[in-house]
Amino acid sequence: MNHPTTPSPGSTRTRVDVAVVGAGIAGLYALHRFRSRGLSVRVFEAADGVGGVWYWNRYPGARCDVESVDYSYSFDDDLQQEWNWSEKYAAQPEILAYLDHVADRFDLRRDIEFGTRVTDIALDEQTLTWQVDTDTGSAVTARFVVLATGPLSNANTPAIDGLDTFTGQLLHTSAWPHEGVDLTGQRVGVIGTGSSGIQAIPVIAEQAKRLQVFQRTANYSVPAGNIPLDEARRAEQKADYAERRRLSMSSGGGSPHRAHPKSALEVSEQERRDAYEQRWQLGGVLFSKTFPDQLTDPAANDTARLFWEEKIRAEIDDPRVADLLIPRDHPIGTKRICTDTHYYRTFNRENVQLVDLRATPIDRIDAGGLHTTGAYFPLDTLVLATGFDAMTGSVAKIAITGRGGRTLNEAWADGPETYLGLGIPGFPNLFNLTGPGSPSVLANMVLHSELHVDWVAEAIGFVDERGATAIEARADAAAGWVNECADRAAGTLMPRANSWYLGANVPGKPRVFMPFVGGFGVYGEIIAEVAAAEYKGFDLHPAP
């Protein structure tokens, strides 16, 4: 796409109703939804295509941990009926193909500037409009700004001494080469055993001559139990879409599955095992929601942990390796449970070695490999599966300046402060989607994106109907919401884990539990009630 040149002094910027940052799942729907209201919209996307996290994360084994039929847009029934998912849990290429299809089907690309990174967003306090600037010189004045950057899009690269001196192939899972990588016959090291590492390691092990897995922290993972979807199964799912969506929207995490009605401690041992086995067969992250008290009662949580450990020990030949792969530092489910395909069995392979960085930390990297305090590992390729500066990292890279010249990074220096996860005091007409203060990564991100975008679209309509200029979260409402989120988290086991929910994976980042843990359905009810009460907790600013 041809980008407009940098505006010359005194020239007029392009004016739009809404500027959207990001063309991933949330950004695409935002463009469609706002345009359908008759609003003019410009979307800025740093990548050369749509898809967000699914554009960038092309590492081997990349796959969603929400069932395909649920990890899809609900806003258009024809779209639901025409798209055919091939697997229970879709892999990255299929998800990206789906998002490309959506972009084409709804003619979205004409309002997206690709290869364009937003650098500055500044409030004009006289008009309460936003000046949006980019690295290509394209610039707009927008009445509203919607940040659809996603909670998992800013790669976290560890500060390891000598990393820049490595002369082999250095890869990050979140920036995998589009043409793919052939690791056949190579000595490969993988740093990190979070979700991306757990998905990539089994595939890399099948190619590499030798694979060293450098693990600092073990994580819980549940087999995906992935299966192909045949025509009969797809037809059954499509016929039941309306009910499936209804259940998902009122659920804890945006999927139609319900927890057992009783406490894990109220049922018999056999009933409890049967319930866990049923969730094990379902596969993936929902194992943590088998019983309603798994993430609030340590004793209930322990029953899930013991079942999980029994399953995993049966997969691993060497008990000493099993001991290293079984987490001891957090209750199960307090970090997001990973979803894998033969991850634990991979450590039975002759060409795979697990290196415990708790016992022998990384000392440095040199041109030819990696030194721990206990050994040297010559490497041809080093893979960083080290995750993201989650929730706030992508927003923090943009210079966003609100009232009084105060930047968003300054406002959030001690942790993010939002009202409902949507509005930010001092930043009128600016909305953040699926980030801190909302269920965010604890929910199905597609339905969550639709929920947020629909709410913002109605809020814009409310501003226009009232003849107002802007809507702005009040400071007292935001403070109250931050406290409510913290209180809800404190009532669970979630803060017991040093997780990226807290920012614990990024040195120097404030330790604040960022998501709303009360459940996706409950959250939807709360924000709907705020809207019904004429946006209680927000101030409307009249037109000049």
Protein backbone atom coordinates (compact mmCIF):
# COMPACT_ATOMS: atom_id res chain seq x y z
CA MET A 1 0.00 0.00 0.00
CA ASN A 2 1.24 3.49 -0.74
CA HIS A 3 1.59 5.55 2.41
CA PRO A 4 0.87 9.27 2.58
CA THR A 5 3.99 11.33 3.01
CA THR A 6 4.79 13.19 6.20
CA PRO A 7 2.48 16.23 6.44
CA SER A 8 4.34 19.42 5.65
CA PRO A 9 4.21 22.23 8.21
CA GLY A 10 0.80 23.85 8.18
CA SER A 11 -0.76 21.11 6.06
CA THR A 12 -3.95 19.34 7.09
CA ARG A 13 -3.81 15.83 8.43
CA THR A 14 -6.30 13.26 7.26
CA ARG A 15 -9.29 13.35 9.64
CA VAL A 16 -11.05 10.16 10.67
CA ASP A 17 -13.59 9.25 13.30
CA VAL A 18 -11.57 6.33 14.67
CA ALA A 19 -7.91 5.34 14.47
CA VAL A 20 -7.30 1.68 15.33
CA VAL A 21 -3.84 0.39 16.21
CA GLY A 22 -3.42 -3.23 15.15
CA ALA A 23 -5.03 -5.52 12.57
CA GLY A 24 -5.25 -8.68 14.59
CA ILE A 25 -8.46 -10.31 15.77
CA ALA A 26 -9.69 -7.25 17.68
CA GLY A 27 -8.56 -4.70 15.11
CA LEU A 28 -10.24 -6.45 12.20
CA TYR A 29 -13.55 -6.66 13.99
CA ALA A 30 -13.23 -3.05 15.18
CA LEU A 31 -12.80 -1.89 11.60
CA HIS A 32 -15.86 -3.85 10.45
CA ARG A 33 -18.03 -2.82 13.41
CA PHE A 34 -17.18 0.89 13.33
CA ARG A 35 -17.57 1.10 9.57
CA SER A 36 -20.99 -0.52 9.85
CA ARG A 37 -22.00 2.43 12.08
CA GLY A 38 -21.03 4.85 9.33
CA LEU A 39 -17.78 5.91 11.00
CA SER A 40 -14.61 6.62 9.04
CA VAL A 41 -11.81 4.34 10.23
CA ARG A 42 -8.07 4.02 9.63
CA VAL A 43 -6.21 0.96 10.90
CA PHE A 44 -2.44 0.98 11.31
CA GLU A 45 -0.61 -2.34 11.31
CA ALA A 46 3.14 -2.82 11.70
CA ALA A 47 3.11 -6.17 9.90
CA ASP A 48 2.67 -6.66 6.17
CA GLY A 49 -0.55 -8.60 6.67
CA VAL A 50 -3.48 -9.13 9.02
CA GLY A 51 -3.51 -11.58 11.91
CA GLY A 52 -1.63 -9.98 14.79
CA VAL A 53 -0.13 -12.68 16.99
CA TRP A 54 -0.99 -15.29 14.33
CA TYR A 55 0.94 -13.34 11.69
CA TRP A 56 4.12 -13.22 13.76
CA ASN A 57 4.12 -16.51 15.66
CA ARG A 58 4.95 -19.06 12.96
CA TYR A 59 7.21 -21.29 15.02
CA PRO A 60 6.87 -25.06 14.48
CA GLY A 61 3.94 -26.46 16.46
CA ALA A 62 2.19 -23.10 16.97
CA ARG A 63 -1.43 -23.89 17.76
CA CYS A 64 -4.37 -22.35 19.62
CA ASP A 65 -5.40 -23.77 22.99
CA VAL A 66 -9.09 -22.93 22.49
CA GLU A 67 -11.17 -25.20 20.29
CA SER A 68 -11.31 -23.94 16.70
CA VAL A 69 -15.10 -23.80 16.60
CA ASP A 70 -15.03 -21.42 19.58
CA TYR A 71 -11.93 -19.46 18.57
CA SER A 72 -13.77 -17.76 15.73
CA TYR A 73 -15.96 -14.72 15.17
CA SER A 74 -19.61 -14.93 16.16
CA PHE A 75 -20.82 -11.65 14.61
CA ASP A 76 -21.86 -13.12 11.24
CA ASP A 77 -23.72 -16.40 11.02
CA ASP A 78 -22.95 -16.85 7.32
CA LEU A 79 -19.26 -16.66 8.19
CA GLN A 80 -19.74 -19.27 10.92
CA GLN A 81 -21.51 -21.61 8.52
CA GLU A 82 -19.19 -21.24 5.54
CA TRP A 83 -15.83 -21.71 7.24
CA ASN A 84 -14.69 -25.31 7.78
CA TRP A 85 -12.12 -25.94 10.50
CA SER A 86 -9.99 -29.00 9.83
CA GLU A 87 -8.89 -29.77 13.40
CA LYS A 88 -10.22 -29.56 16.94
CA TYR A 89 -7.37 -27.18 17.83
CA ALA A 90 -6.30 -25.14 14.81
CA ALA A 91 -2.66 -24.59 13.96
CA GLN A 92 -1.23 -21.18 13.11
CA PRO A 93 -1.47 -21.46 9.29
CA GLU A 94 -5.17 -22.30 9.42
CA ILE A 95 -5.97 -19.49 11.86
CA LEU A 96 -4.08 -16.99 9.69
CA ALA A 97 -5.91 -18.29 6.59
CA TYR A 98 -9.21 -17.75 8.44
CA LEU A 99 -8.30 -14.15 9.34
CA ASP A 100 -7.19 -13.47 5.75
CA HIS A 101 -10.57 -14.83 4.62
CA VAL A 102 -12.38 -12.49 7.03
CA ALA A 103 -10.35 -9.50 5.79
CA ASP A 104 -11.22 -10.31 2.20
CA ARG A 105 -14.85 -11.28 2.80
CA PHE A 106 -15.63 -7.96 4.49
CA ASP A 107 -13.32 -5.86 2.29
CA LEU A 108 -11.27 -4.69 5.26
CA ARG A 109 -7.86 -4.19 3.67
CA ARG A 110 -8.78 -0.92 1.94
CA ASP A 111 -8.80 0.86 5.32
CA ILE A 112 -5.64 -0.76 6.71
CA GLU A 113 -2.14 0.69 6.32
CA PHE A 114 0.27 -2.25 6.51
CA GLY A 115 3.96 -1.94 7.29
CA THR A 116 3.10 1.09 9.39
CA ARG A 117 3.99 1.32 13.06
CA VAL A 118 2.29 3.94 15.24
CA THR A 119 4.95 5.89 17.12
CA ASP A 120 3.07 8.77 18.76
CA ILE A 121 -0.50 9.41 19.88
CA ALA A 122 -1.01 12.86 21.38
CA LEU A 123 -4.12 14.55 22.76
CA ASP A 124 -5.11 17.98 21.48
CA GLU A 125 -6.63 19.33 24.68
CA GLN A 126 -8.46 22.14 22.92
CA THR A 127 -10.47 19.86 20.64
CA LEU A 128 -10.15 16.59 22.58
CA THR A 129 -9.00 14.85 19.41
CA TRP A 130 -5.93 12.67 18.93
CA GLN A 131 -2.92 13.29 16.68
CA VAL A 132 -1.66 9.89 15.49
CA ASP A 133 1.80 9.66 13.89
CA THR A 134 3.60 6.70 12.36
CA ASP A 135 7.07 5.65 11.25
CA THR A 136 6.11 6.03 7.58
CA GLY A 137 4.95 9.65 7.85
CA SER A 138 1.29 8.74 7.54
CA ALA A 139 -0.66 10.77 10.09
CA VAL A 140 -4.27 11.31 11.08
CA THR A 141 -6.37 13.35 13.44
CA ALA A 142 -8.90 11.05 15.07
CA ARG A 143 -11.88 11.69 17.33
CA PHE A 144 -11.35 8.30 18.95
CA VAL A 145 -8.36 5.96 19.28
CA VAL A 146 -8.74 2.23 19.85
CA LEU A 147 -5.66 0.27 20.92
CA ALA A 148 -6.00 -3.24 19.50
CA THR A 149 -2.35 -4.13 19.96
CA GLY A 150 -3.12 -7.35 21.83
CA PRO A 151 -1.83 -8.53 25.20
CA LEU A 152 0.75 -10.91 23.69
CA SER A 153 2.56 -9.10 20.91
CA ASN A 154 5.73 -7.53 22.36
CA ALA A 155 8.53 -10.12 22.38
CA ASN A 156 10.55 -10.54 25.56
CA THR A 157 14.23 -11.03 24.73
CA PRO A 158 16.30 -11.99 27.78
CA ALA A 159 19.36 -9.96 28.72
CA ILE A 160 22.01 -12.70 28.51
CA ASP A 161 25.69 -11.78 28.48
CA GLY A 162 27.14 -12.38 25.03
CA LEU A 163 23.86 -13.03 23.23
CA ASP A 164 24.83 -10.56 20.51
CA THR A 165 28.12 -12.40 19.88
CA PHE A 166 26.51 -15.71 18.89
CA THR A 167 27.43 -16.46 15.26
CA GLY A 168 24.99 -19.29 14.74
CA GLN A 169 21.33 -18.90 13.83
CA LEU A 170 19.41 -16.94 16.50
CA LEU A 171 15.61 -17.24 16.43
CA HIS A 172 12.73 -15.98 18.56
CA THR A 173 9.48 -17.93 18.50
CA SER A 174 7.47 -14.72 18.07
CA ALA A 175 9.44 -13.65 14.96
CA TRP A 176 9.93 -16.96 13.17
CA PRO A 177 11.02 -16.65 9.52
CA HIS A 178 8.03 -16.86 7.20
CA GLU A 179 9.83 -19.26 4.88
CA GLY A 180 10.37 -21.71 7.75
CA VAL A 181 13.61 -23.09 9.13
CA ASP A 182 15.23 -26.45 8.41
CA LEU A 183 16.99 -27.66 11.55
CA THR A 184 17.88 -31.09 10.17
CA GLY A 185 21.18 -32.35 11.52
CA GLN A 186 21.78 -29.29 13.69
CA ARG A 187 22.74 -28.84 17.32
CA VAL A 188 19.84 -26.77 18.67
CA GLY A 189 19.26 -25.09 22.00
CA VAL A 190 15.86 -23.83 23.18
CA ILE A 191 15.68 -21.37 26.08
CA GLY A 192 12.25 -21.35 27.67
CA THR A 193 9.55 -23.88 28.47
CA GLY A 194 6.42 -21.75 28.44
CA SER A 195 3.66 -22.19 25.91
CA SER A 196 5.68 -21.51 22.75
CA GLY A 197 8.60 -23.64 23.90
CA ILE A 198 6.34 -26.51 24.90
CA GLN A 199 4.70 -26.45 21.45
CA ALA A 200 7.91 -26.05 19.46
CA ILE A 201 10.22 -28.47 21.29
CA PRO A 202 8.59 -31.76 20.10
CA VAL A 203 8.71 -30.60 16.45
CA ILE A 204 12.30 -29.34 16.70
CA ALA A 205 13.36 -32.62 18.34
CA GLU A 206 12.20 -34.55 15.29
CA GLN A 207 14.60 -32.55 13.07
CA ALA A 208 17.60 -31.71 15.21
CA LYS A 209 20.65 -33.90 15.55
CA ARG A 210 20.86 -32.81 19.16
CA LEU A 211 18.44 -30.68 21.21
CA GLN A 212 19.24 -29.07 24.53
CA VAL A 213 16.23 -27.64 26.37
CA PHE A 214 17.25 -24.97 28.89
CA GLN A 215 14.57 -24.81 31.57
CA ARG A 216 14.46 -22.31 34.40
CA THR A 217 10.84 -22.88 35.43
CA ALA A 218 8.74 -25.96 34.79
CA ASN A 219 5.17 -25.38 33.64
CA TYR A 220 2.01 -27.43 33.70
CA SER A 221 0.86 -28.67 30.31
CA VAL A 222 -2.04 -30.88 29.28
CA PRO A 223 -2.10 -32.83 26.00
CA ALA A 224 -4.32 -31.21 23.38
CA GLY A 225 -5.91 -34.48 22.35
CA ASN A 226 -6.15 -32.90 18.95
CA ILE A 227 -8.18 -34.71 16.28
CA PRO A 228 -9.25 -34.00 12.70
CA LEU A 229 -12.81 -32.72 12.27
CA ASP A 230 -14.84 -34.64 9.72
CA GLU A 231 -17.88 -33.30 7.88
CA ALA A 232 -20.32 -34.92 10.29
CA ARG A 233 -18.68 -33.34 13.33
CA ARG A 234 -18.51 -29.92 11.66
CA ALA A 235 -22.18 -30.11 10.72
CA GLU A 236 -23.07 -30.97 14.31
CA GLN A 237 -21.07 -28.02 15.63
CA LYS A 238 -22.56 -25.58 13.14
CA ALA A 239 -26.11 -26.68 13.93
CA ASP A 240 -25.43 -25.96 17.61
CA TYR A 241 -23.60 -22.66 17.16
CA ALA A 242 -26.27 -20.44 18.74
CA GLU A 243 -26.36 -22.42 21.97
CA ARG A 244 -22.60 -22.86 22.01
CA ARG A 245 -22.13 -19.10 21.77
CA ARG A 246 -24.74 -18.42 24.44
CA LEU A 247 -22.97 -20.73 26.86
CA SER A 248 -19.59 -19.26 25.98
CA MET A 249 -20.64 -15.66 26.57
CA SER A 250 -21.90 -16.48 30.07
CA SER A 251 -18.99 -18.74 31.01
CA GLY A 252 -15.86 -18.13 33.01
CA GLY A 253 -13.49 -18.20 30.06
CA GLY A 254 -15.45 -17.82 26.85
CA SER A 255 -15.90 -21.51 26.05
CA PRO A 256 -19.13 -23.50 26.35
CA HIS A 257 -17.84 -26.01 28.88
CA ARG A 258 -19.10 -25.83 32.46
CA ALA A 259 -17.33 -26.74 35.68
CA HIS A 260 -18.57 -29.62 37.80
CA PRO A 261 -21.39 -28.30 40.02
CA LYS A 262 -19.73 -29.42 43.27
CA SER A 263 -16.46 -28.75 45.04
CA ALA A 264 -13.58 -31.08 44.25
CA LEU A 265 -13.63 -31.98 47.95
CA GLU A 266 -17.35 -32.81 48.11
CA VAL A 267 -17.34 -35.68 45.63
CA SER A 268 -16.04 -39.22 45.94
CA GLU A 269 -12.55 -40.12 44.79
CA GLN A 270 -13.98 -41.98 41.79
CA GLU A 271 -16.28 -39.13 40.76
CA ARG A 272 -13.40 -36.69 41.04
CA ARG A 273 -11.12 -38.88 38.91
CA ASP A 274 -13.85 -39.32 36.32
CA ALA A 275 -14.31 -35.55 36.10
CA TYR A 276 -10.59 -34.95 35.70
CA GLU A 277 -10.33 -37.71 33.11
CA GLN A 278 -13.17 -36.17 31.12
CA ARG A 279 -11.37 -32.81 31.06
CA TRP A 280 -8.09 -34.56 30.24
CA GLN A 281 -9.73 -36.04 27.17
CA LEU A 282 -11.15 -32.63 26.23
CA GLY A 283 -7.55 -31.44 26.33
CA GLY A 284 -5.73 -28.25 27.14
CA VAL A 285 -6.27 -25.26 29.36
CA LEU A 286 -9.78 -26.07 30.60
CA PHE A 287 -8.36 -28.76 32.89
CA SER A 288 -7.88 -25.94 35.42
CA LYS A 289 -11.64 -25.34 35.45
CA THR A 290 -12.81 -28.90 36.11
CA PHE A 291 -14.15 -27.96 39.55
CA PRO A 292 -15.32 -24.50 40.65
CA ASP A 293 -12.90 -24.29 43.60
CA GLN A 294 -9.71 -25.45 41.88
CA LEU A 295 -8.25 -21.95 41.81
CA THR A 296 -9.56 -20.79 45.18
CA ASP A 297 -8.98 -23.71 47.60
CA PRO A 298 -5.44 -25.12 47.98
CA ALA A 299 -6.76 -28.54 48.95
CA ALA A 300 -9.02 -28.70 45.91
CA ASN A 301 -6.15 -27.53 43.73
CA ASP A 302 -3.97 -30.28 45.14
CA THR A 303 -6.36 -32.97 43.89
CA ALA A 304 -5.90 -31.63 40.35
CA ARG A 305 -2.13 -31.46 40.77
CA LEU A 306 -1.89 -35.06 41.95
CA PHE A 307 -4.01 -36.31 39.04
CA TRP A 308 -1.87 -34.32 36.60
CA GLU A 309 1.39 -35.55 38.11
CA GLU A 310 0.27 -39.18 37.90
CA LYS A 311 -0.52 -38.71 34.20
CA ILE A 312 2.79 -37.02 33.42
CA ARG A 313 5.01 -39.42 35.32
CA ALA A 314 3.52 -42.22 33.24
CA GLU A 315 4.77 -40.40 30.10
CA ILE A 316 8.42 -39.93 31.15
CA ASP A 317 10.88 -42.84 31.31
CA ASP A 318 13.46 -41.28 33.66
CA PRO A 319 12.04 -40.36 37.09
CA ARG A 320 14.82 -37.80 37.56
CA VAL A 321 13.78 -35.99 34.38
CA ALA A 322 10.17 -36.18 35.51
CA ASP A 323 11.13 -34.53 38.80
CA LEU A 324 12.56 -31.57 36.86
CA LEU A 325 9.55 -31.26 34.54
CA ILE A 326 6.99 -31.22 37.36
CA PRO A 327 6.43 -27.71 38.79
CA ARG A 328 6.90 -27.20 42.51
CA ASP A 329 6.64 -23.42 42.74
CA HIS A 330 2.98 -22.68 41.94
CA PRO A 331 -0.48 -24.26 42.18
CA ILE A 332 -1.72 -25.83 38.98
CA GLY A 333 -3.64 -23.37 36.83
CA THR A 334 -2.26 -20.21 38.47
CA LYS A 335 -0.09 -19.83 35.41
CA ARG A 336 -1.92 -20.52 32.17
CA ILE A 337 -1.86 -24.27 31.58
CA CYS A 338 -0.10 -25.00 28.32
CA THR A 339 -1.48 -27.26 25.59
CA ASP A 340 0.93 -29.70 23.98
CA THR A 341 1.40 -32.54 21.56
CA HIS A 342 3.75 -35.21 22.98
CA TYR A 343 5.83 -32.68 24.92
CA TYR A 344 6.72 -34.89 27.86
CA ARG A 345 7.44 -37.95 25.70
CA THR A 346 9.97 -35.85 23.80
CA PHE A 347 12.33 -36.12 26.77
CA ASN A 348 12.48 -39.90 26.25
CA ARG A 349 14.32 -39.34 22.96
CA GLU A 350 18.04 -40.08 22.80
CA ASN A 351 18.76 -36.75 21.08
CA VAL A 352 17.06 -34.55 23.72
CA GLN A 353 18.63 -33.28 26.95
CA LEU A 354 16.91 -31.23 29.65
CA VAL A 355 19.23 -28.69 31.29
CA ASP A 356 18.09 -27.45 34.71
CA LEU A 357 18.94 -23.75 34.93
CA ARG A 358 17.95 -23.66 38.59
CA ALA A 359 20.91 -25.92 39.35
CA THR A 360 23.30 -24.54 36.72
CA PRO A 361 22.22 -21.07 35.50
CA ILE A 362 23.25 -19.59 32.17
CA ASP A 363 26.57 -17.82 32.59
CA ARG A 364 27.07 -16.42 29.08
CA ILE A 365 26.79 -17.05 25.39
CA ASP A 366 29.74 -16.92 23.02
CA ALA A 367 30.17 -17.23 19.25
CA GLY A 368 29.75 -20.98 19.26
CA GLY A 369 27.35 -21.84 22.03
CA LEU A 370 26.05 -21.45 25.56
CA HIS A 371 27.86 -21.66 28.88
CA THR A 372 26.00 -22.63 32.05
CA THR A 373 27.81 -22.70 35.37
CA GLY A 374 28.11 -26.47 34.90
CA ALA A 375 28.86 -27.12 31.23
CA TYR A 376 29.36 -25.74 27.74
CA PHE A 377 26.91 -26.54 24.93
CA PRO A 378 28.08 -25.99 21.32
CA LEU A 379 25.10 -24.86 19.21
CA ASP A 380 24.31 -24.25 15.56
CA THR A 381 20.93 -22.65 16.33
CA LEU A 382 19.61 -20.98 19.46
CA VAL A 383 15.85 -20.54 19.86
CA LEU A 384 14.50 -17.99 22.33
CA ALA A 385 11.09 -19.23 23.49
CA THR A 386 11.00 -16.52 26.13
CA GLY A 387 7.51 -15.15 25.68
CA PHE A 388 6.25 -11.60 25.83
CA ASP A 389 6.17 -8.41 27.83
CA ALA A 390 2.50 -9.23 28.27
CA MET A 391 -0.59 -7.08 28.71
CA THR A 392 1.11 -3.66 28.61
CA GLY A 393 4.32 -4.13 26.61
CA SER A 394 2.99 -3.24 23.16
CA VAL A 395 1.15 -0.16 24.40
CA ALA A 396 4.26 0.94 26.28
CA LYS A 397 6.24 1.11 23.03
CA ILE A 398 3.97 3.89 21.73
CA ALA A 399 4.44 7.44 23.02
CA ILE A 400 0.87 8.12 24.15
CA THR A 401 0.42 11.58 25.68
CA GLY A 402 -2.80 12.62 27.41
CA ARG A 403 -3.91 15.56 29.53
CA GLY A 404 -1.27 17.92 30.84
CA GLY A 405 1.43 16.28 28.74
CA ARG A 406 1.37 13.18 30.93
CA THR A 407 2.29 10.00 29.08
CA LEU A 408 0.55 6.68 29.52
CA ASN A 409 3.83 5.14 30.62
CA GLU A 410 4.03 7.75 33.39
CA ALA A 411 0.42 7.12 34.37
CA TRP A 412 1.10 3.39 34.55
CA ALA A 413 4.54 3.58 36.16
CA ASP A 414 3.28 1.74 39.25
CA GLY A 415 1.07 -0.62 37.27
CA PRO A 416 -1.79 -0.21 34.80
CA GLU A 417 -4.83 1.73 35.99
CA THR A 418 -8.01 1.47 33.93
CA TYR A 419 -11.74 1.62 34.39
CA LEU A 420 -13.26 -1.67 33.25
CA GLY A 421 -10.06 -2.35 31.31
CA LEU A 422 -11.43 0.01 28.65
CA GLY A 423 -11.05 3.64 29.70
CA ILE A 424 -8.08 5.46 31.22
CA PRO A 425 -8.36 8.69 33.27
CA GLY A 426 -6.64 11.57 31.52
CA PHE A 427 -6.99 9.93 28.10
CA PRO A 428 -10.47 10.84 26.80
CA ASN A 429 -11.83 8.98 23.76
CA LEU A 430 -9.02 6.42 23.96
CA PHE A 431 -9.95 2.78 24.54
CA ASN A 432 -7.70 -0.19 25.22
CA LEU A 433 -8.95 -3.61 24.13
CA THR A 434 -8.47 -6.98 25.91
CA GLY A 435 -5.71 -5.67 28.16
CA PRO A 436 -5.20 -5.10 31.90
CA GLY A 437 -8.34 -4.68 33.95
CA SER A 438 -10.32 -7.04 31.70
CA PRO A 439 -10.41 -10.86 31.58
CA SER A 440 -7.88 -10.57 28.74
CA VAL A 441 -5.83 -13.75 28.30
CA LEU A 442 -8.00 -15.60 30.83
CA ALA A 443 -10.77 -15.70 28.20
CA ASN A 444 -11.35 -16.70 24.59
CA MET A 445 -9.74 -13.74 22.85
CA VAL A 446 -12.05 -13.75 19.83
CA LEU A 447 -15.27 -13.44 21.81
CA HIS A 448 -13.53 -11.07 24.23
CA SER A 449 -12.54 -8.84 21.30
CA GLU A 450 -16.11 -8.81 20.03
CA LEU A 451 -17.42 -7.95 23.50
CA HIS A 452 -15.03 -5.01 23.85
CA VAL A 453 -15.49 -3.68 20.33
CA ASP A 454 -19.28 -3.82 20.60
CA TRP A 455 -19.12 -1.92 23.90
CA VAL A 456 -16.84 0.76 22.43
CA ALA A 457 -19.05 1.11 19.34
CA GLU A 458 -22.09 1.72 21.54
CA ALA A 459 -20.14 4.18 23.72
CA ILE A 460 -19.19 6.18 20.61
CA GLY A 461 -22.84 6.15 19.61
CA PHE A 462 -23.78 7.44 23.05
CA VAL A 463 -21.31 10.33 22.75
CA ASP A 464 -22.67 11.27 19.34
CA GLU A 465 -26.32 10.97 20.38
CA ARG A 466 -25.69 13.34 23.29
CA GLY A 467 -23.93 15.84 21.05
CA ALA A 468 -20.83 15.53 23.20
CA THR A 469 -17.17 15.71 22.21
CA ALA A 470 -15.62 13.07 24.42
CA ILE A 471 -16.08 10.38 27.04
CA GLU A 472 -13.46 9.90 29.76
CA ALA A 473 -13.05 7.48 32.64
CA ARG A 474 -13.10 9.18 36.03
CA ALA A 475 -10.11 8.75 38.31
CA ASP A 476 -12.22 7.55 41.24
CA ALA A 477 -13.93 4.94 39.04
CA ALA A 478 -10.58 3.65 37.81
CA ALA A 479 -9.17 3.49 41.34
CA GLY A 480 -12.23 1.56 42.46
CA TRP A 481 -11.91 -0.84 39.54
CA VAL A 482 -8.22 -1.48 40.19
CA ASN A 483 -9.09 -2.28 43.80
CA GLU A 484 -11.90 -4.59 42.74
CA CYS A 485 -9.61 -6.47 40.37
CA ALA A 486 -6.97 -6.77 43.11
CA ASP A 487 -9.53 -7.95 45.68
CA ARG A 488 -10.92 -10.56 43.31
CA ALA A 489 -7.42 -11.83 42.54
CA ALA A 490 -6.54 -11.96 46.24
CA GLY A 491 -9.50 -14.26 46.77
CA THR A 492 -7.90 -16.83 44.46
CA LEU A 493 -4.63 -18.75 44.27
CA MET A 494 -3.57 -16.82 41.16
CA PRO A 495 -1.16 -14.35 42.82
CA ARG A 496 0.83 -17.28 44.26
CA ALA A 497 2.53 -17.78 40.89
CA ASN A 498 5.30 -15.55 39.55
CA SER A 499 3.51 -15.36 36.23
CA TRP A 500 3.37 -12.95 33.32
CA TYR A 501 -0.12 -12.09 34.61
CA LEU A 502 1.89 -10.17 37.22
CA GLY A 503 4.64 -9.05 34.85
CA ALA A 504 7.05 -11.33 36.71
CA ASN A 505 8.85 -12.40 33.51
CA VAL A 506 10.08 -8.86 32.76
CA PRO A 507 12.79 -7.45 35.07
CA GLY A 508 11.81 -4.12 36.62
CA LYS A 509 8.14 -4.34 35.70
CA PRO A 510 5.72 -3.51 38.55
CA ARG A 511 4.21 -6.62 40.17
CA VAL A 512 0.50 -6.02 39.71
CA PHE A 513 -1.97 -8.79 38.92
CA MET A 514 -3.39 -7.40 35.70
CA PRO A 515 -6.39 -9.46 34.50
CA PHE A 516 -9.93 -9.43 35.91
CA VAL A 517 -10.40 -12.90 37.39
CA GLY A 518 -14.13 -12.80 38.09
CA GLY A 519 -15.01 -14.58 34.86
CA PHE A 520 -15.83 -13.59 31.31
CA GLY A 521 -19.62 -13.79 31.77
CA VAL A 522 -19.56 -11.77 35.00
CA TYR A 523 -17.34 -9.16 33.37
CA GLY A 524 -19.73 -8.87 30.42
CA GLU A 525 -22.60 -8.24 32.83
CA ILE A 526 -20.62 -5.54 34.66
CA ILE A 527 -19.71 -3.53 31.57
CA ALA A 528 -23.27 -3.88 30.22
CA GLU A 529 -24.65 -2.50 33.49
CA VAL A 530 -22.25 0.46 33.27
CA ALA A 531 -23.45 1.22 29.75
CA ALA A 532 -27.11 0.84 30.74
CA ALA A 533 -26.54 3.34 33.56
CA GLU A 534 -25.46 5.92 30.95
CA TYR A 535 -21.81 5.00 31.31
CA LYS A 536 -21.55 5.34 35.06
CA GLY A 537 -17.98 6.15 36.04
CA PHE A 538 -17.32 8.08 32.85
CA ASP A 539 -17.60 11.84 32.27
CA LEU A 540 -19.09 13.24 29.08
CA HIS A 541 -17.44 16.39 27.77
CA PRO A 542 -19.77 18.74 25.86
CA ALA A 543 -18.97 20.12 22.45
CA PRO A 544 -17.23 23.53 22.57
